[in-house]
C-alpha atoms as a PDB file:
ATOM      1  CA  MET A   1     -18.113  65.279 190.663  1.00  0.00           C
ATOM      2  CA  VAL A   2     -20.949  66.692 188.568  1.00  0.00           C
ATOM      3  CA  ARG A   3     -19.990  69.473 186.204  1.00  0.00           C
ATOM      4  CA  PRO A   4     -22.391  72.389 185.783  1.00  0.00           C
ATOM      5  CA  ALA A   5     -24.238  72.318 182.469  1.00  0.00           C
ATOM      6  CA  ARG A   6     -23.453  75.073 179.997  1.00  0.00           C
ATOM      7  CA  PHE A   7     -26.626  76.953 179.152  1.00  0.00           C
ATOM      8  CA  GLU A   8     -27.156  80.379 177.640  1.00  0.00           C
ATOM      9  CA  VAL A   9     -30.183  82.262 176.338  1.00  0.00           C
ATOM     10  CA  THR A  10     -29.718  85.393 174.254  1.00  0.00           C
ATOM     11  CA  ALA A  11     -32.587  87.703 173.305  1.00  0.00           C
ATOM     12  CA  ALA A  12     -32.767  89.643 170.061  1.00  0.00           C
ATOM     13  CA  PRO A  13     -32.095  93.379 170.431  1.00  0.00           C
ATOM     14  CA  ALA A  14     -34.979  95.676 171.311  1.00  0.00           C
ATOM     15  CA  GLY A  15     -37.025  96.589 168.266  1.00  0.00           C
ATOM     16  CA  ALA A  16     -36.188  93.351 166.437  1.00  0.00           C
ATOM     17  CA  PRO A  17     -38.712  90.533 166.038  1.00  0.00           C
ATOM     18  CA  ALA A  18     -38.999  88.461 169.232  1.00  0.00           C
ATOM     19  CA  GLN A  19     -36.289  85.802 169.175  1.00  0.00           C
ATOM     20  CA  LEU A  20     -34.396  83.790 171.740  1.00  0.00           C
ATOM     21  CA  SER A  21     -31.217  81.918 170.830  1.00  0.00           C
ATOM     22  CA  VAL A  22     -30.452  78.965 173.081  1.00  0.00           C
ATOM     23  CA  ALA A  23     -27.058  77.295 173.502  1.00  0.00           C
ATOM     24  CA  GLY A  24     -25.838  74.442 175.671  1.00  0.00           C
ATOM     25  CA  GLU A  25     -27.863  71.787 177.455  1.00  0.00           C
ATOM     26  CA  LEU A  26     -31.656  72.010 177.753  1.00  0.00           C
ATOM     27  CA  ASP A  27     -32.648  69.667 180.554  1.00  0.00           C
ATOM     28  CA  MET A  28     -34.742  69.539 183.708  1.00  0.00           C
ATOM     29  CA  LYS A  29     -32.579  72.205 185.382  1.00  0.00           C
ATOM     30  CA  THR A  30     -32.385  74.643 182.489  1.00  0.00           C
ATOM     31  CA  ALA A  31     -35.895  74.245 181.019  1.00  0.00           C
ATOM     32  CA  GLU A  32     -37.187  76.499 183.797  1.00  0.00           C
ATOM     33  CA  VAL A  33     -34.608  79.134 182.873  1.00  0.00           C
ATOM     34  CA  LEU A  34     -35.722  79.090 179.235  1.00  0.00           C
ATOM     35  CA  ALA A  35     -39.386  79.210 180.312  1.00  0.00           C
ATOM     36  CA  ALA A  36     -38.639  82.367 182.341  1.00  0.00           C
ATOM     37  CA  HIS A  37     -36.971  83.995 179.317  1.00  0.00           C
ATOM     38  CA  VAL A  38     -39.998  83.130 177.173  1.00  0.00           C
ATOM     39  CA  GLU A  39     -42.312  84.647 179.778  1.00  0.00           C
ATOM     40  CA  ARG A  40     -40.322  87.899 179.664  1.00  0.00           C
ATOM     41  CA  GLN A  41     -40.636  87.967 175.861  1.00  0.00           C
ATOM     42  CA  LEU A  42     -44.382  87.370 176.047  1.00  0.00           C
ATOM     43  CA  ARG A  43     -45.061  90.115 178.616  1.00  0.00           C
ATOM     44  CA  THR A  44     -45.389  92.552 175.755  1.00  0.00           C
ATOM     45  CA  PRO A  45     -47.796  91.520 173.016  1.00  0.00           C
ATOM     46  CA  VAL A  46     -45.987  89.616 170.281  1.00  0.00           C
ATOM     47  CA  GLY A  47     -47.374  88.158 167.094  1.00  0.00           C
ATOM     48  CA  ALA A  48     -44.540  85.669 166.855  1.00  0.00           C
ATOM     49  CA  LEU A  49     -41.632  84.223 168.787  1.00  0.00           C
ATOM     50  CA  LYS A  50     -38.686  82.400 167.261  1.00  0.00           C
ATOM     51  CA  LEU A  51     -36.623  79.981 169.346  1.00  0.00           C
ATOM     52  CA  ASP A  52     -33.274  79.296 167.723  1.00  0.00           C
ATOM     53  CA  LEU A  53     -32.136  75.957 169.135  1.00  0.00           C
ATOM     54  CA  GLY A  54     -29.268  75.621 166.655  1.00  0.00           C
ATOM     55  CA  GLU A  55     -26.565  75.689 169.326  1.00  0.00           C
ATOM     56  CA  LEU A  56     -28.173  73.228 171.740  1.00  0.00           C
ATOM     57  CA  THR A  57     -25.728  70.435 172.450  1.00  0.00           C
ATOM     58  CA  PHE A  58     -28.154  68.258 174.446  1.00  0.00           C
ATOM     59  CA  MET A  59     -31.899  68.130 175.129  1.00  0.00           C
ATOM     60  CA  ASP A  60     -33.860  65.742 177.318  1.00  0.00           C
ATOM     61  CA  SER A  61     -37.588  65.140 177.688  1.00  0.00           C
ATOM     62  CA  SER A  62     -37.944  68.221 179.930  1.00  0.00           C
ATOM     63  CA  GLY A  63     -36.847  70.423 177.045  1.00  0.00           C
ATOM     64  CA  LEU A  64     -39.154  68.585 174.666  1.00  0.00           C
ATOM     65  CA  ARG A  65     -42.065  69.016 177.072  1.00  0.00           C
ATOM     66  CA  LEU A  66     -41.391  72.768 177.236  1.00  0.00           C
ATOM     67  CA  LEU A  67     -41.405  73.049 173.429  1.00  0.00           C
ATOM     68  CA  ILE A  68     -44.719  71.169 173.221  1.00  0.00           C
ATOM     69  CA  GLU A  69     -46.245  73.370 175.929  1.00  0.00           C
ATOM     70  CA  LEU A  70     -45.091  76.519 174.130  1.00  0.00           C
ATOM     71  CA  TYR A  71     -46.550  75.313 170.844  1.00  0.00           C
ATOM     72  CA  ASP A  72     -49.887  74.509 172.488  1.00  0.00           C
ATOM     73  CA  ARG A  73     -49.870  77.899 174.205  1.00  0.00           C
ATOM     74  CA  SER A  74     -49.076  79.749 170.981  1.00  0.00           C
ATOM     75  CA  ARG A  75     -52.032  78.133 169.226  1.00  0.00           C
ATOM     76  CA  ARG A  76     -54.341  78.797 172.175  1.00  0.00           C
ATOM     77  CA  ASP A  77     -53.244  82.438 172.640  1.00  0.00           C
ATOM     78  CA  GLY A  78     -52.954  83.384 168.961  1.00  0.00           C
ATOM     79  CA  TRP A  79     -49.243  83.995 168.419  1.00  0.00           C
ATOM     80  CA  ARG A  80     -46.891  82.095 166.110  1.00  0.00           C
ATOM     81  CA  LEU A  81     -44.022  79.966 167.389  1.00  0.00           C
ATOM     82  CA  THR A  82     -41.138  79.132 165.069  1.00  0.00           C
ATOM     83  CA  LEU A  83     -38.340  76.757 166.045  1.00  0.00           C
ATOM     84  CA  VAL A  84     -34.877  76.233 164.549  1.00  0.00           C
ATOM     85  CA  LEU A  85     -33.571  72.649 164.718  1.00  0.00           C
ATOM     86  CA  PRO A  86     -30.494  71.906 166.815  1.00  0.00           C
ATOM     87  CA  ARG A  87     -27.375  71.261 164.731  1.00  0.00           C
ATOM     88  CA  HIS A  88     -25.876  68.857 167.270  1.00  0.00           C
ATOM     89  CA  GLU A  89     -27.007  65.223 167.166  1.00  0.00           C
ATOM     90  CA  PRO A  90     -27.399  64.711 170.951  1.00  0.00           C
ATOM     91  CA  ALA A  91     -29.883  67.611 171.051  1.00  0.00           C
ATOM     92  CA  ALA A  92     -31.802  66.557 167.944  1.00  0.00           C
ATOM     93  CA  ILE A  93     -32.194  62.872 168.723  1.00  0.00           C
ATOM     94  CA  VAL A  94     -35.101  63.331 171.160  1.00  0.00           C
ATOM     95  CA  LEU A  95     -36.945  65.358 168.506  1.00  0.00           C
ATOM     96  CA  ARG A  96     -36.519  62.689 165.823  1.00  0.00           C
ATOM     97  CA  ALA A  97     -37.181  59.753 168.146  1.00  0.00           C
ATOM     98  CA  THR A  98     -40.533  61.209 169.210  1.00  0.00           C
ATOM     99  CA  GLY A  99     -41.599  62.671 165.859  1.00  0.00           C
ATOM    100  CA  ALA A 100     -41.543  66.159 167.345  1.00  0.00           C
ATOM    101  CA  ASP A 101     -39.265  67.317 164.519  1.00  0.00           C
ATOM    102  CA  ALA A 102     -42.251  66.858 162.178  1.00  0.00           C
ATOM    103  CA  ALA A 103     -45.057  67.776 164.611  1.00  0.00           C
ATOM    104  CA  LEU A 104     -43.658  71.057 165.960  1.00  0.00           C
ATOM    105  CA  PRO A 105     -43.221  74.234 163.866  1.00  0.00           C
ATOM    106  CA  PHE A 106     -39.565  73.849 162.907  1.00  0.00           C
ATOM    107  CA  GLU A 107     -38.161  75.916 160.055  1.00  0.00           C
ATOM    108  CA  PRO A 108     -37.168  73.792 157.093  1.00  0.00           C
ATOM    109  CA  GLY A 109     -33.456  73.444 156.556  1.00  0.00           C
ATOM    110  CA  ALA A 110     -30.497  72.931 158.826  1.00  0.00           C
ATOM    111  CA  GLY A 111     -30.237  70.125 161.311  1.00  0.00           C
ATOM    112  CA  PRO A 112     -27.818  67.317 162.090  1.00  0.00           C
END
């Protein structure tokens, strides 16, 4: 039996800087959900978007691909993307193994 993955995206309150906090497992099923949340945030002009990945417990290459696409899009469209490193090792390993932790715009500081 396959258990459903826990996944939750929470947006910052209206009027606050654009931020999405992501918890659970970011994989091929949930990357589309996060992409939809990002699209909703970007419908109104934003100068910056922060993705707080601190509570991710797992991330696969689908999640990594989404982060790379968002970074490329932010540079192309002129808004700033900021990422917060996952605190859980299984989510951070794909970032370290690929060098994405250094190549993408992660805030300095916390991580596993």
